[in-house]
PDB file of N, CA and C in Angstrom:
ATOM      1  N   MET A   1      -1.400 -29.371 -19.915  1.00  0.00           N
ATOM      2  CA  MET A   1      -1.442 -27.936 -19.721  1.00  0.00           C
ATOM      3  C   MET A   1      -0.201 -27.329 -20.381  1.00  0.00           C
ATOM      4  N   THR A   2      -0.417 -26.290 -21.194  1.00  0.00           N
ATOM      5  CA  THR A   2       0.693 -25.638 -21.878  1.00  0.00           C
ATOM      6  C   THR A   2       1.312 -24.578 -20.982  1.00  0.00           C
ATOM      7  N   LEU A   3       2.447 -24.065 -21.405  1.00  0.00           N
ATOM      8  CA  LEU A   3       3.119 -23.011 -20.655  1.00  0.00           C
ATOM      9  C   LEU A   3       2.233 -21.775 -20.547  1.00  0.00           C
ATOM     10  N   ALA A   4       1.504 -21.455 -21.610  1.00  0.00           N
ATOM     11  CA  ALA A   4       0.598 -20.301 -21.580  1.00  0.00           C
ATOM     12  C   ALA A   4      -0.505 -20.513 -20.549  1.00  0.00           C
ATOM     13  N   ASP A   5      -1.028 -21.730 -20.451  1.00  0.00           N
ATOM     14  CA  ASP A   5      -2.059 -22.024 -19.455  1.00  0.00           C
ATOM     15  C   ASP A   5      -1.517 -21.867 -18.045  1.00  0.00           C
ATOM     16  N   GLU A   6      -0.270 -22.291 -17.831  1.00  0.00           N
ATOM     17  CA  GLU A   6       0.343 -22.152 -16.516  1.00  0.00           C
ATOM     18  C   GLU A   6       0.517 -20.676 -16.160  1.00  0.00           C
ATOM     19  N   ASP A   7       0.889 -19.848 -17.144  1.00  0.00           N
ATOM     20  CA  ASP A   7       1.032 -18.415 -16.895  1.00  0.00           C
ATOM     21  C   ASP A   7      -0.301 -17.802 -16.498  1.00  0.00           C
ATOM     22  N   LEU A   8      -1.387 -18.235 -17.136  1.00  0.00           N
ATOM     23  CA  LEU A   8      -2.696 -17.695 -16.813  1.00  0.00           C
ATOM     24  C   LEU A   8      -3.139 -18.110 -15.416  1.00  0.00           C
ATOM     25  N   ASP A   9      -2.709 -19.285 -14.974  1.00  0.00           N
ATOM     26  CA  ASP A   9      -3.036 -19.716 -13.615  1.00  0.00           C
ATOM     27  C   ASP A   9      -2.395 -18.812 -12.581  1.00  0.00           C
ATOM     28  N   ARG A  10      -1.289 -18.169 -12.946  1.00  0.00           N
ATOM     29  CA  ARG A  10      -0.573 -17.298 -12.016  1.00  0.00           C
ATOM     30  C   ARG A  10      -0.817 -15.830 -12.301  1.00  0.00           C
ATOM     31  N   ALA A  11      -1.745 -15.497 -13.150  1.00  0.00           N
ATOM     32  CA  ALA A  11      -1.966 -14.115 -13.564  1.00  0.00           C
ATOM     33  C   ALA A  11      -2.718 -13.351 -12.483  1.00  0.00           C
ATOM     34  N   HIS A  12      -1.972 -12.581 -11.703  1.00  0.00           N
ATOM     35  CA  HIS A  12      -2.562 -11.771 -10.645  1.00  0.00           C
ATOM     36  C   HIS A  12      -2.143 -10.323 -10.820  1.00  0.00           C
ATOM     37  N   ALA A  13      -2.928  -9.443 -10.283  1.00  0.00           N
ATOM     38  CA  ALA A  13      -2.621  -8.019 -10.292  1.00  0.00           C
ATOM     39  C   ALA A  13      -3.138  -7.434  -8.990  1.00  0.00           C
ATOM     40  N   LEU A  14      -2.726  -6.224  -8.714  1.00  0.00           N
ATOM     41  CA  LEU A  14      -3.221  -5.518  -7.540  1.00  0.00           C
ATOM     42  C   LEU A  14      -3.988  -4.299  -8.015  1.00  0.00           C
ATOM     43  N   VAL A  15      -5.174  -4.136  -7.506  1.00  0.00           N
ATOM     44  CA  VAL A  15      -5.966  -2.957  -7.787  1.00  0.00           C
ATOM     45  C   VAL A  15      -5.824  -2.048  -6.580  1.00  0.00           C
ATOM     46  N   VAL A  16      -5.343  -0.829  -6.818  1.00  0.00           N
ATOM     47  CA  VAL A  16      -5.214   0.153  -5.744  1.00  0.00           C
ATOM     48  C   VAL A  16      -6.403   1.091  -5.828  1.00  0.00           C
ATOM     49  N   LEU A  17      -7.146   1.178  -4.743  1.00  0.00           N
ATOM     50  CA  LEU A  17      -8.283   2.093  -4.641  1.00  0.00           C
ATOM     51  C   LEU A  17      -7.833   3.311  -3.849  1.00  0.00           C
ATOM     52  N   VAL A  18      -8.026   4.495  -4.427  1.00  0.00           N
ATOM     53  CA  VAL A  18      -7.634   5.736  -3.768  1.00  0.00           C
ATOM     54  C   VAL A  18      -8.837   6.672  -3.765  1.00  0.00           C
ATOM     55  N   GLU A  19      -9.187   7.161  -2.587  1.00  0.00           N
ATOM     56  CA  GLU A  19     -10.307   8.094  -2.473  1.00  0.00           C
ATOM     57  C   GLU A  19      -9.852   9.477  -2.933  1.00  0.00           C
ATOM     58  N   ASP A  20     -10.638  10.099  -3.820  1.00  0.00           N
ATOM     59  CA  ASP A  20     -10.284  11.443  -4.283  1.00  0.00           C
ATOM     60  C   ASP A  20     -10.960  12.494  -3.397  1.00  0.00           C
ATOM     61  N   ARG A  21     -10.798  13.753  -3.751  1.00  0.00           N
ATOM     62  CA  ARG A  21     -11.326  14.851  -2.917  1.00  0.00           C
ATOM     63  C   ARG A  21     -12.841  14.884  -2.823  1.00  0.00           C
ATOM     64  N   THR A  22     -13.508  14.276  -3.801  1.00  0.00           N
ATOM     65  CA  THR A  22     -14.976  14.285  -3.807  1.00  0.00           C
ATOM     66  C   THR A  22     -15.557  13.097  -3.065  1.00  0.00           C
ATOM     67  N   GLY A  23     -14.684  12.201  -2.559  1.00  0.00           N
ATOM     68  CA  GLY A  23     -15.156  11.021  -1.849  1.00  0.00           C
ATOM     69  C   GLY A  23     -15.346   9.800  -2.731  1.00  0.00           C
ATOM     70  N   ARG A  24     -15.072   9.953  -4.020  1.00  0.00           N
ATOM     71  CA  ARG A  24     -15.161   8.806  -4.931  1.00  0.00           C
ATOM     72  C   ARG A  24     -13.838   8.068  -4.942  1.00  0.00           C
ATOM     73  N   TYR A  25     -13.883   6.793  -5.281  1.00  0.00           N
ATOM     74  CA  TYR A  25     -12.662   5.990  -5.332  1.00  0.00           C
ATOM     75  C   TYR A  25     -12.210   5.819  -6.771  1.00  0.00           C
ATOM     76  N   ARG A  26     -10.919   5.990  -6.985  1.00  0.00           N
ATOM     77  CA  ARG A  26     -10.293   5.779  -8.294  1.00  0.00           C
ATOM     78  C   ARG A  26      -9.535   4.472  -8.236  1.00  0.00           C
ATOM     79  N   ARG A  27      -9.573   3.719  -9.317  1.00  0.00           N
ATOM     80  CA  ARG A  27      -8.894   2.416  -9.378  1.00  0.00           C
ATOM     81  C   ARG A  27      -7.677   2.505 -10.295  1.00  0.00           C
ATOM     82  N   ARG A  28      -6.592   1.892  -9.844  1.00  0.00           N
ATOM     83  CA  ARG A  28      -5.393   1.767 -10.664  1.00  0.00           C
ATOM     84  C   ARG A  28      -4.917   0.326 -10.580  1.00  0.00           C
ATOM     85  N   LEU A  29      -4.484  -0.221 -11.684  1.00  0.00           N
ATOM     86  CA  LEU A  29      -4.028  -1.606 -11.749  1.00  0.00           C
ATOM     87  C   LEU A  29      -2.502  -1.642 -11.734  1.00  0.00           C
ATOM     88  N   TYR A  30      -1.944  -2.462 -10.846  1.00  0.00           N
ATOM     89  CA  TYR A  30      -0.493  -2.640 -10.740  1.00  0.00           C
ATOM     90  C   TYR A  30      -0.170  -4.124 -10.874  1.00  0.00           C
ATOM     91  N   LEU A  31       0.949  -4.416 -11.517  1.00  0.00           N
ATOM     92  CA  LEU A  31       1.344  -5.808 -11.704  1.00  0.00           C
ATOM     93  C   LEU A  31       2.395  -6.255 -10.698  1.00  0.00           C
ATOM     94  N   SER A  32       2.919  -5.326  -9.907  1.00  0.00           N
ATOM     95  CA  SER A  32       3.899  -5.706  -8.888  1.00  0.00           C
ATOM     96  C   SER A  32       3.453  -5.185  -7.521  1.00  0.00           C
ATOM     97  N   LEU A  33       3.747  -5.973  -6.512  1.00  0.00           N
ATOM     98  CA  LEU A  33       3.403  -5.595  -5.150  1.00  0.00           C
ATOM     99  C   LEU A  33       4.129  -4.331  -4.736  1.00  0.00           C
ATOM    100  N   ARG A  34       5.380  -4.216  -5.107  1.00  0.00           N
ATOM    101  CA  ARG A  34       6.174  -3.032  -4.730  1.00  0.00           C
ATOM    102  C   ARG A  34       5.544  -1.739  -5.262  1.00  0.00           C
ATOM    103  N   SER A  35       5.149  -1.740  -6.517  1.00  0.00           N
ATOM    104  CA  SER A  35       4.530  -0.549  -7.108  1.00  0.00           C
ATOM    105  C   SER A  35       3.212  -0.217  -6.434  1.00  0.00           C
ATOM    106  N   ALA A  36       2.424  -1.236  -6.145  1.00  0.00           N
ATOM    107  CA  ALA A  36       1.135  -1.012  -5.486  1.00  0.00           C
ATOM    108  C   ALA A  36       1.334  -0.458  -4.079  1.00  0.00           C
ATOM    109  N   GLU A  37       2.303  -1.006  -3.348  1.00  0.00           N
ATOM    110  CA  GLU A  37       2.574  -0.514  -1.988  1.00  0.00           C
ATOM    111  C   GLU A  37       3.019   0.941  -2.009  1.00  0.00           C
ATOM    112  N   ARG A  38       3.854   1.306  -2.984  1.00  0.00           N
ATOM    113  CA  ARG A  38       4.299   2.706  -3.087  1.00  0.00           C
ATOM    114  C   ARG A  38       3.133   3.628  -3.417  1.00  0.00           C
ATOM    115  N   ALA A  39       2.222   3.190  -4.283  1.00  0.00           N
ATOM    116  CA  ALA A  39       1.059   4.010  -4.627  1.00  0.00           C
ATOM    117  C   ALA A  39       0.179   4.244  -3.399  1.00  0.00           C
ATOM    118  N   VAL A  40      -0.026   3.202  -2.597  1.00  0.00           N
ATOM    119  CA  VAL A  40      -0.822   3.335  -1.370  1.00  0.00           C
ATOM    120  C   VAL A  40      -0.115   4.276  -0.407  1.00  0.00           C
ATOM    121  N   ALA A  41       1.193   4.130  -0.252  1.00  0.00           N
ATOM    122  CA  ALA A  41       1.952   4.992   0.662  1.00  0.00           C
ATOM    123  C   ALA A  41       1.887   6.453   0.223  1.00  0.00           C
ATOM    124  N   ARG A  42       2.003   6.723  -1.081  1.00  0.00           N
ATOM    125  CA  ARG A  42       1.907   8.108  -1.579  1.00  0.00           C
ATOM    126  C   ARG A  42       0.535   8.694  -1.297  1.00  0.00           C
ATOM    127  N   ALA A  43      -0.512   7.905  -1.531  1.00  0.00           N
ATOM    128  CA  ALA A  43      -1.876   8.390  -1.283  1.00  0.00           C
ATOM    129  C   ALA A  43      -2.084   8.653   0.206  1.00  0.00           C
ATOM    130  N   ASN A  44      -1.599   7.745   1.051  1.00  0.00           N
ATOM    131  CA  ASN A  44      -1.732   7.938   2.492  1.00  0.00           C
ATOM    132  C   ASN A  44      -0.965   9.173   2.954  1.00  0.00           C
ATOM    133  N   ALA A  45       0.197   9.436   2.361  1.00  0.00           N
ATOM    134  CA  ALA A  45       0.987  10.625   2.703  1.00  0.00           C
ATOM    135  C   ALA A  45       0.236  11.905   2.351  1.00  0.00           C
ATOM    136  N   ARG A  46      -0.601  11.843   1.317  1.00  0.00           N
ATOM    137  CA  ARG A  46      -1.434  12.995   0.940  1.00  0.00           C
ATOM    138  C   ARG A  46      -2.678  13.102   1.817  1.00  0.00           C
ATOM    139  N   GLY A  47      -2.886  12.113   2.676  1.00  0.00           N
ATOM    140  CA  GLY A  47      -4.058  12.117   3.548  1.00  0.00           C
ATOM    141  C   GLY A  47      -5.270  11.419   2.948  1.00  0.00           C
ATOM    142  N   ALA A  48      -5.068  10.731   1.839  1.00  0.00           N
ATOM    143  CA  ALA A  48      -6.180  10.032   1.182  1.00  0.00           C
ATOM    144  C   ALA A  48      -6.288   8.602   1.709  1.00  0.00           C
ATOM    145  N   ASP A  49      -7.504   8.090   1.749  1.00  0.00           N
ATOM    146  CA  ASP A  49      -7.723   6.689   2.081  1.00  0.00           C
ATOM    147  C   ASP A  49      -7.334   5.862   0.862  1.00  0.00           C
ATOM    148  N   ALA A  50      -6.525   4.826   1.060  1.00  0.00           N
ATOM    149  CA  ALA A  50      -6.098   3.985  -0.058  1.00  0.00           C
ATOM    150  C   ALA A  50      -5.867   2.574   0.439  1.00  0.00           C
ATOM    151  N   ARG A  51      -6.101   1.619  -0.461  1.00  0.00           N
ATOM    152  CA  ARG A  51      -5.844   0.216  -0.139  1.00  0.00           C
ATOM    153  C   ARG A  51      -5.560  -0.545  -1.421  1.00  0.00           C
ATOM    154  N   ALA A  52      -4.842  -1.658  -1.272  1.00  0.00           N
ATOM    155  CA  ALA A  52      -4.530  -2.529  -2.409  1.00  0.00           C
ATOM    156  C   ALA A  52      -5.307  -3.824  -2.244  1.00  0.00           C
ATOM    157  N   ILE A  53      -5.860  -4.304  -3.349  1.00  0.00           N
ATOM    158  CA  ILE A  53      -6.645  -5.533  -3.358  1.00  0.00           C
ATOM    159  C   ILE A  53      -6.049  -6.469  -4.402  1.00  0.00           C
ATOM    160  N   LEU A  54      -5.726  -7.693  -3.984  1.00  0.00           N
ATOM    161  CA  LEU A  54      -5.178  -8.691  -4.899  1.00  0.00           C
ATOM    162  C   LEU A  54      -6.307  -9.262  -5.757  1.00  0.00           C
ATOM    163  N   CYS A  55      -6.087  -9.297  -7.073  1.00  0.00           N
ATOM    164  CA  CYS A  55      -7.104  -9.799  -8.012  1.00  0.00           C
ATOM    165  C   CYS A  55      -6.476 -10.818  -8.944  1.00  0.00           C
ATOM    166  N   ARG A  56      -7.287 -11.712  -9.439  1.00  0.00           N
ATOM    167  CA  ARG A  56      -6.845 -12.686 -10.440  1.00  0.00           C
ATOM    168  C   ARG A  56      -7.294 -12.188 -11.816  1.00  0.00           C
ATOM    169  N   ILE A  57      -6.401 -12.271 -12.771  1.00  0.00           N
ATOM    170  CA  ILE A  57      -6.721 -11.876 -14.143  1.00  0.00           C
ATOM    171  C   ILE A  57      -7.125 -13.130 -14.902  1.00  0.00           C
ATOM    172  N   THR A  58      -8.305 -13.087 -15.514  1.00  0.00           N
ATOM    173  CA  THR A  58      -8.823 -14.229 -16.253  1.00  0.00           C
ATOM    174  C   THR A  58      -9.087 -13.801 -17.694  1.00  0.00           C
ATOM    175  N   PRO A  59      -8.602 -14.550 -18.665  1.00  0.00           N
ATOM    176  CA  PRO A  59      -8.862 -14.198 -20.055  1.00  0.00           C
ATOM    177  C   PRO A  59     -10.337 -14.387 -20.406  1.00  0.00           C
ATOM    178  N   VAL A  60     -10.795 -13.557 -21.325  1.00  0.00           N
ATOM    179  CA  VAL A  60     -12.173 -13.631 -21.792  1.00  0.00           C
ATOM    180  C   VAL A  60     -12.156 -14.206 -23.206  1.00  0.00           C
ATOM    181  N   GLU A  61     -12.977 -15.197 -23.448  1.00  0.00           N
ATOM    182  CA  GLU A  61     -13.073 -15.804 -24.778  1.00  0.00           C
ATOM    183  C   GLU A  61     -13.757 -14.823 -25.722  1.00  0.00           C
ATOM    184  N   ASP A  62     -13.534 -14.992 -27.021  1.00  0.00           N
ATOM    185  CA  ASP A  62     -14.190 -14.149 -28.014  1.00  0.00           C
ATOM    186  C   ASP A  62     -15.699 -14.205 -27.824  1.00  0.00           C
ATOM    187  N   GLY A  63     -16.331 -13.051 -27.833  1.00  0.00           N
ATOM    188  CA  GLY A  63     -17.783 -12.978 -27.709  1.00  0.00           C
ATOM    189  C   GLY A  63     -18.272 -12.873 -26.286  1.00  0.00           C
ATOM    190  N   GLU A  64     -17.475 -13.193 -25.275  1.00  0.00           N
ATOM    191  CA  GLU A  64     -17.912 -13.123 -23.886  1.00  0.00           C
ATOM    192  C   GLU A  64     -17.961 -11.711 -23.345  1.00  0.00           C
ATOM    193  N   ALA A  65     -17.171 -10.813 -23.910  1.00  0.00           N
ATOM    194  CA  ALA A  65     -17.058  -9.468 -23.374  1.00  0.00           C
ATOM    195  C   ALA A  65     -18.151  -8.531 -23.888  1.00  0.00           C
ATOM    196  N   GLN A  66     -19.011  -9.012 -24.718  1.00  0.00           N
ATOM    197  CA  GLN A  66     -20.014  -8.123 -25.311  1.00  0.00           C
ATOM    198  C   GLN A  66     -21.234  -7.987 -24.461  1.00  0.00           C
TER     199      GLN A  66
END
């Protein structure tokens, strides 16, 4: 396993879901827990429903994304 492969094994992000005024959810991607927590706290302070979800980032091979 190469160093790049090891980095991909640890590739995680946080998706923050924030409900807007129309009741739809907007998604934002954060790479640090601190930033995601602050985004959720700001949304909650505005009275919006918000949550952070931990996700794994997986590379897509050429041709798979079509």
